């Protein structure tokens, strides 16, 4: 067990922070829930999503 802990492979260690991917996943879920629950923000959420996708497309091209 010590060998795995030294190399960061200890899967039983719960004292780690949340990763960026986890935060992005939670944010995406929150946006989708809000967009589905509030019809008046659907178009705004669509615009925001389009802007995010456009920024990411420009960033990676």
C-alpha atoms as a PDB file:
ATOM      1  CA  UNK A   1       0.000   0.000   0.000  1.00  0.00           C
ATOM      2  CA  UNK A   2       2.866   2.352   0.754  1.00  0.00           C
ATOM      3  CA  UNK A   3       4.244   1.903  -2.755  1.00  0.00           C
ATOM      4  CA  UNK A   4       0.941   2.990  -4.330  1.00  0.00           C
ATOM      5  CA  UNK A   5       0.594   5.930  -1.959  1.00  0.00           C
ATOM      6  CA  UNK A   6       4.069   7.195  -2.851  1.00  0.00           C
ATOM      7  CA  UNK A   7       3.175   7.351  -6.537  1.00  0.00           C
ATOM      8  CA  UNK A   8      -0.240   8.938  -6.056  1.00  0.00           C
ATOM      9  CA  UNK A   9      -2.142   5.755  -6.904  1.00  0.00           C
ATOM     10  CA  UNK A  10      -3.884   5.380  -3.553  1.00  0.00           C
ATOM     11  CA  UNK A  11      -7.542   5.210  -4.558  1.00  0.00           C
ATOM     12  CA  UNK A  12      -8.718   5.233  -0.939  1.00  0.00           C
ATOM     13  CA  UNK A  13      -7.461   8.759  -0.291  1.00  0.00           C
ATOM     14  CA  UNK A  14     -10.518  11.028  -0.163  1.00  0.00           C
ATOM     15  CA  UNK A  15      -8.570  14.177   0.754  1.00  0.00           C
ATOM     16  CA  UNK A  16      -8.127  15.548  -2.734  1.00  0.00           C
ATOM     17  CA  UNK A  17      -9.611  18.624  -4.328  1.00  0.00           C
ATOM     18  CA  UNK A  18     -12.086  18.616  -7.177  1.00  0.00           C
ATOM     19  CA  UNK A  19     -10.582  18.656 -10.635  1.00  0.00           C
ATOM     20  CA  UNK A  20     -11.406  21.157 -13.347  1.00  0.00           C
ATOM     21  CA  UNK A  21     -13.256  18.470 -15.300  1.00  0.00           C
ATOM     22  CA  UNK A  22     -15.466  17.748 -12.292  1.00  0.00           C
ATOM     23  CA  UNK A  23     -16.291  21.448 -11.872  1.00  0.00           C
ATOM     24  CA  UNK A  24     -17.059  21.814 -15.586  1.00  0.00           C
ATOM     25  CA  UNK A  25     -19.326  18.771 -15.432  1.00  0.00           C
ATOM     26  CA  UNK A  26     -21.221  20.173 -12.461  1.00  0.00           C
ATOM     27  CA  UNK A  27     -21.542  23.569 -14.147  1.00  0.00           C
ATOM     28  CA  UNK A  28     -22.855  21.942 -17.334  1.00  0.00           C
ATOM     29  CA  UNK A  29     -25.447  19.962 -15.387  1.00  0.00           C
ATOM     30  CA  UNK A  30     -26.533  23.109 -13.534  1.00  0.00           C
ATOM     31  CA  UNK A  31     -26.955  25.047 -16.787  1.00  0.00           C
ATOM     32  CA  UNK A  32     -28.978  22.234 -18.343  1.00  0.00           C
ATOM     33  CA  UNK A  33     -31.262  21.932 -15.308  1.00  0.00           C
ATOM     34  CA  UNK A  34     -31.877  25.683 -15.240  1.00  0.00           C
ATOM     35  CA  UNK A  35     -32.543  25.730 -18.982  1.00  0.00           C
ATOM     36  CA  UNK A  36     -35.094  22.929 -18.676  1.00  0.00           C
ATOM     37  CA  UNK A  37     -36.844  24.311 -15.598  1.00  0.00           C
ATOM     38  CA  UNK A  38     -37.137  27.899 -16.766  1.00  0.00           C
ATOM     39  CA  UNK A  39     -38.436  28.186 -20.339  1.00  0.00           C
ATOM     40  CA  UNK A  40     -37.673  31.905 -20.509  1.00  0.00           C
ATOM     41  CA  UNK A  41     -33.930  31.280 -20.161  1.00  0.00           C
ATOM     42  CA  UNK A  42     -33.730  28.583 -22.827  1.00  0.00           C
ATOM     43  CA  UNK A  43     -32.788  31.008 -25.575  1.00  0.00           C
ATOM     44  CA  UNK A  44     -30.255  32.746 -23.338  1.00  0.00           C
ATOM     45  CA  UNK A  45     -28.722  29.412 -22.351  1.00  0.00           C
ATOM     46  CA  UNK A  46     -28.543  28.512 -26.037  1.00  0.00           C
ATOM     47  CA  UNK A  47     -26.772  31.780 -26.799  1.00  0.00           C
ATOM     48  CA  UNK A  48     -24.323  31.244 -23.949  1.00  0.00           C
ATOM     49  CA  UNK A  49     -23.657  27.662 -25.062  1.00  0.00           C
ATOM     50  CA  UNK A  50     -23.092  28.871 -28.632  1.00  0.00           C
ATOM     51  CA  UNK A  51     -20.618  31.471 -27.400  1.00  0.00           C
ATOM     52  CA  UNK A  52     -18.765  28.908 -25.281  1.00  0.00           C
ATOM     53  CA  UNK A  53     -18.531  26.472 -28.189  1.00  0.00           C
ATOM     54  CA  UNK A  54     -17.367  29.288 -30.457  1.00  0.00           C
ATOM     55  CA  UNK A  55     -14.662  30.303 -28.001  1.00  0.00           C
ATOM     56  CA  UNK A  56     -13.470  26.716 -27.581  1.00  0.00           C
ATOM     57  CA  UNK A  57     -13.478  26.165 -31.332  1.00  0.00           C
ATOM     58  CA  UNK A  58     -11.390  29.297 -31.816  1.00  0.00           C
ATOM     59  CA  UNK A  59      -9.075  28.316 -28.965  1.00  0.00           C
ATOM     60  CA  UNK A  60      -8.289  24.878 -30.386  1.00  0.00           C
ATOM     61  CA  UNK A  61      -8.040  25.860 -34.046  1.00  0.00           C
END
